N, C-alpha and C. Protein backbone atom coordinates (compact mmCIF):
# COMPACT_ATOMS: atom_id res chain seq x y z
N UNK A 1 8.28 21.32 17.99
CA UNK A 1 8.39 20.07 18.74
C UNK A 1 8.19 18.86 17.81
N UNK A 2 9.04 17.94 17.84
CA UNK A 2 8.97 16.75 17.00
C UNK A 2 8.36 15.65 17.81
N UNK A 3 7.35 15.02 17.22
CA UNK A 3 6.64 13.92 17.88
C UNK A 3 7.36 12.62 17.57
N UNK A 4 7.35 11.69 18.56
CA UNK A 4 7.97 10.38 18.36
C UNK A 4 6.98 9.42 17.74
N UNK A 5 5.71 9.79 17.67
CA UNK A 5 4.68 8.90 17.13
C UNK A 5 4.67 9.01 15.60
N UNK A 6 4.52 7.88 14.94
CA UNK A 6 4.52 7.88 13.47
C UNK A 6 3.25 8.50 12.95
N UNK A 7 3.34 9.15 11.75
CA UNK A 7 2.13 9.63 11.10
C UNK A 7 1.25 8.46 10.67
N UNK A 8 -0.02 8.59 10.68
CA UNK A 8 -0.95 7.50 10.26
C UNK A 8 -0.72 7.05 8.81
N UNK A 9 -0.40 7.98 7.96
CA UNK A 9 -0.19 7.67 6.56
C UNK A 9 0.89 8.59 6.02
N UNK A 10 1.87 8.05 5.27
CA UNK A 10 2.91 8.92 4.74
C UNK A 10 2.37 9.96 3.78
N UNK A 11 3.10 11.07 3.61
CA UNK A 11 2.62 12.10 2.69
C UNK A 11 3.09 11.82 1.25
N UNK A 12 3.13 10.61 0.90
CA UNK A 12 3.55 10.19 -0.43
C UNK A 12 2.97 8.81 -0.75
N UNK A 13 2.81 8.51 -1.99
CA UNK A 13 2.19 7.18 -2.32
C UNK A 13 3.17 6.07 -1.98
N UNK A 14 2.62 4.87 -1.73
CA UNK A 14 3.46 3.72 -1.39
C UNK A 14 4.32 3.40 -2.64
N UNK A 15 5.56 2.85 -2.45
CA UNK A 15 6.45 2.58 -3.57
C UNK A 15 5.88 1.63 -4.56
N UNK A 16 4.89 0.79 -4.19
CA UNK A 16 4.29 -0.18 -5.16
C UNK A 16 3.03 0.39 -5.81
N UNK A 17 2.74 1.70 -5.67
CA UNK A 17 1.59 2.31 -6.27
C UNK A 17 1.77 2.27 -7.80
N UNK A 18 0.80 1.75 -8.52
CA UNK A 18 0.87 1.60 -10.00
C UNK A 18 0.93 2.99 -10.66
N UNK A 19 0.24 3.95 -10.18
CA UNK A 19 0.21 5.20 -10.85
C UNK A 19 1.61 5.89 -10.62
N UNK A 20 2.22 5.72 -9.43
CA UNK A 20 3.59 6.27 -9.20
C UNK A 20 4.55 5.62 -10.17
N UNK A 21 4.48 4.35 -10.40
CA UNK A 21 5.34 3.71 -11.32
C UNK A 21 5.18 4.28 -12.77
N UNK A 22 3.98 4.55 -13.12
CA UNK A 22 3.67 5.16 -14.41
C UNK A 22 4.29 6.56 -14.49
N UNK A 23 4.12 7.34 -13.44
CA UNK A 23 4.66 8.72 -13.44
C UNK A 23 6.15 8.69 -13.60
N UNK A 24 6.83 7.86 -12.82
CA UNK A 24 8.28 7.72 -12.89
C UNK A 24 8.70 7.25 -14.25
N UNK A 25 8.03 6.21 -14.76
CA UNK A 25 8.38 5.67 -16.11
C UNK A 25 8.19 6.74 -17.23
N UNK A 26 7.16 7.55 -17.10
CA UNK A 26 6.93 8.61 -18.08
C UNK A 26 8.01 9.67 -17.97
N UNK A 27 8.47 9.99 -16.73
CA UNK A 27 9.54 10.96 -16.56
C UNK A 27 10.82 10.47 -17.19
N UNK A 28 11.15 9.22 -16.91
CA UNK A 28 12.41 8.64 -17.53
C UNK A 28 12.31 8.67 -19.03
N UNK A 29 11.22 8.25 -19.60
CA UNK A 29 11.01 8.17 -21.07
C UNK A 29 11.07 9.58 -21.67
N UNK A 30 10.53 10.60 -21.00
CA UNK A 30 10.53 11.94 -21.50
C UNK A 30 11.96 12.49 -21.60
N UNK A 31 12.81 12.12 -20.67
CA UNK A 31 14.23 12.51 -20.70
C UNK A 31 14.93 11.76 -21.80
N UNK A 32 14.72 10.47 -21.92
CA UNK A 32 15.41 9.67 -22.94
C UNK A 32 15.03 10.12 -24.33
N UNK A 33 13.79 10.52 -24.55
CA UNK A 33 13.32 10.91 -25.83
C UNK A 33 13.68 12.33 -26.20
N UNK A 34 14.18 13.10 -25.22
CA UNK A 34 14.48 14.49 -25.46
C UNK A 34 13.29 15.41 -25.34
N UNK A 35 12.13 14.85 -24.95
CA UNK A 35 10.91 15.67 -24.77
C UNK A 35 11.06 16.62 -23.61
N UNK A 36 11.78 16.24 -22.57
CA UNK A 36 11.93 17.10 -21.40
C UNK A 36 13.37 17.05 -20.88
N UNK A 37 13.72 18.13 -20.20
CA UNK A 37 15.02 18.15 -19.51
C UNK A 37 14.90 17.28 -18.23
N UNK A 38 16.03 16.97 -17.64
CA UNK A 38 16.00 16.22 -16.36
C UNK A 38 15.21 17.00 -15.33
N UNK A 39 15.51 18.33 -15.22
CA UNK A 39 14.86 19.17 -14.29
C UNK A 39 13.36 19.19 -14.45
N UNK A 40 12.91 19.32 -15.69
CA UNK A 40 11.44 19.34 -15.99
C UNK A 40 10.78 18.00 -15.64
N UNK A 41 11.47 16.91 -16.00
CA UNK A 41 10.95 15.59 -15.69
C UNK A 41 10.83 15.36 -14.17
N UNK A 42 11.85 15.80 -13.46
CA UNK A 42 11.81 15.62 -12.01
C UNK A 42 10.66 16.46 -11.38
N UNK A 43 10.54 17.69 -11.83
CA UNK A 43 9.47 18.53 -11.34
C UNK A 43 8.12 17.93 -11.63
N UNK A 44 7.90 17.52 -12.82
CA UNK A 44 6.64 16.84 -13.24
C UNK A 44 6.34 15.65 -12.33
N UNK A 45 7.35 14.76 -12.18
CA UNK A 45 7.14 13.58 -11.39
C UNK A 45 6.89 13.89 -9.90
N UNK A 46 7.60 14.89 -9.37
CA UNK A 46 7.44 15.23 -7.95
C UNK A 46 6.01 15.75 -7.71
N UNK A 47 5.51 16.64 -8.58
CA UNK A 47 4.22 17.27 -8.41
C UNK A 47 3.13 16.16 -8.54
N UNK A 48 3.26 15.37 -9.53
CA UNK A 48 2.22 14.30 -9.74
C UNK A 48 2.29 13.22 -8.70
N UNK A 49 3.53 12.90 -8.28
CA UNK A 49 3.71 11.92 -7.21
C UNK A 49 3.14 12.40 -5.89
N UNK A 50 3.33 13.67 -5.56
CA UNK A 50 2.71 14.25 -4.37
C UNK A 50 1.24 14.19 -4.42
N UNK A 51 0.69 14.51 -5.59
CA UNK A 51 -0.81 14.43 -5.75
C UNK A 51 -1.26 12.99 -5.55
N UNK A 52 -0.61 12.05 -6.04
CA UNK A 52 -1.02 10.61 -5.87
C UNK A 52 -1.00 10.28 -4.37
N UNK A 53 0.01 10.80 -3.66
CA UNK A 53 0.04 10.59 -2.23
C UNK A 53 -1.12 11.18 -1.50
N UNK A 54 -1.49 12.41 -1.98
CA UNK A 54 -2.71 13.04 -1.40
C UNK A 54 -3.91 12.20 -1.62
N UNK A 55 -4.11 11.70 -2.85
CA UNK A 55 -5.26 10.84 -3.14
C UNK A 55 -5.27 9.58 -2.31
N UNK A 56 -4.12 8.96 -2.21
CA UNK A 56 -3.97 7.76 -1.38
C UNK A 56 -4.31 8.02 0.09
N UNK A 57 -3.89 9.19 0.61
CA UNK A 57 -4.16 9.55 1.97
C UNK A 57 -5.66 9.76 2.18
N UNK A 58 -6.35 10.40 1.22
CA UNK A 58 -7.78 10.57 1.28
C UNK A 58 -8.53 9.26 1.33
N UNK A 59 -8.00 8.32 0.49
CA UNK A 59 -8.66 6.99 0.43
C UNK A 59 -8.50 6.25 1.80
N UNK A 60 -7.36 6.44 2.44
CA UNK A 60 -7.09 5.73 3.69
C UNK A 60 -7.80 6.45 4.85
N UNK A 61 -8.10 7.75 4.74
CA UNK A 61 -8.70 8.41 5.88
C UNK A 61 -9.79 9.36 5.34
N UNK A 62 -10.93 8.85 4.90
CA UNK A 62 -11.98 9.69 4.37
C UNK A 62 -12.46 10.69 5.41
N UNK A 63 -12.60 11.92 5.06
CA UNK A 63 -13.08 12.95 5.97
C UNK A 63 -11.95 13.66 6.72
N UNK A 64 -10.74 13.15 6.62
CA UNK A 64 -9.58 13.79 7.30
C UNK A 64 -9.17 15.00 6.48
N UNK A 65 -8.76 16.05 7.22
CA UNK A 65 -8.30 17.24 6.58
C UNK A 65 -6.79 17.09 6.25
N UNK A 66 -6.12 16.24 6.92
CA UNK A 66 -4.73 15.89 6.65
C UNK A 66 -4.54 14.43 7.10
N UNK A 67 -3.35 13.95 7.04
CA UNK A 67 -3.20 12.50 7.40
C UNK A 67 -2.98 12.28 8.85
N UNK A 68 -3.67 13.03 9.73
CA UNK A 68 -3.62 12.77 11.12
C UNK A 68 -5.00 12.20 11.49
N UNK A 69 -5.27 12.21 12.81
CA UNK A 69 -6.59 11.59 13.22
C UNK A 69 -7.72 12.57 13.33
N UNK A 70 -7.43 13.88 13.11
CA UNK A 70 -8.50 14.87 13.21
C UNK A 70 -9.34 14.91 11.94
N UNK A 71 -10.63 14.91 12.13
CA UNK A 71 -11.52 15.01 11.00
C UNK A 71 -11.69 16.49 10.61
N UNK A 72 -12.14 16.71 9.37
CA UNK A 72 -12.39 18.04 8.90
C UNK A 72 -13.33 18.74 9.84
N UNK A 73 -13.07 20.00 10.08
CA UNK A 73 -13.97 20.77 10.92
C UNK A 73 -13.55 20.71 12.44
N UNK A 74 -12.61 19.78 12.77
CA UNK A 74 -12.17 19.68 14.16
C UNK A 74 -11.27 20.78 14.49
N UNK A 75 -11.46 21.46 15.61
CA UNK A 75 -10.58 22.56 16.04
C UNK A 75 -9.20 22.02 16.40
N UNK A 76 -8.14 22.56 15.88
CA UNK A 76 -6.78 22.11 16.19
C UNK A 76 -6.13 23.06 17.17
N UNK A 77 -5.38 22.49 18.11
CA UNK A 77 -4.53 23.23 19.03
C UNK A 77 -5.36 24.07 19.92
């Protein structure tokens, strides 16, 4: 079932996140310098970008187990 209500926080960092810009910039530079293939740079940026989103979500909702309104330890469903 798909809910029409928006998630409280997206599962990714905001586009203006400074660390995300650094991650993307490093990925682009690693491809340009030949240090990494495009696939490796994308994988690296995706993993680290996801992690930054996780950190941002925890900052916005301390104690939440995920980016919903339920706190850790709350029984779901």
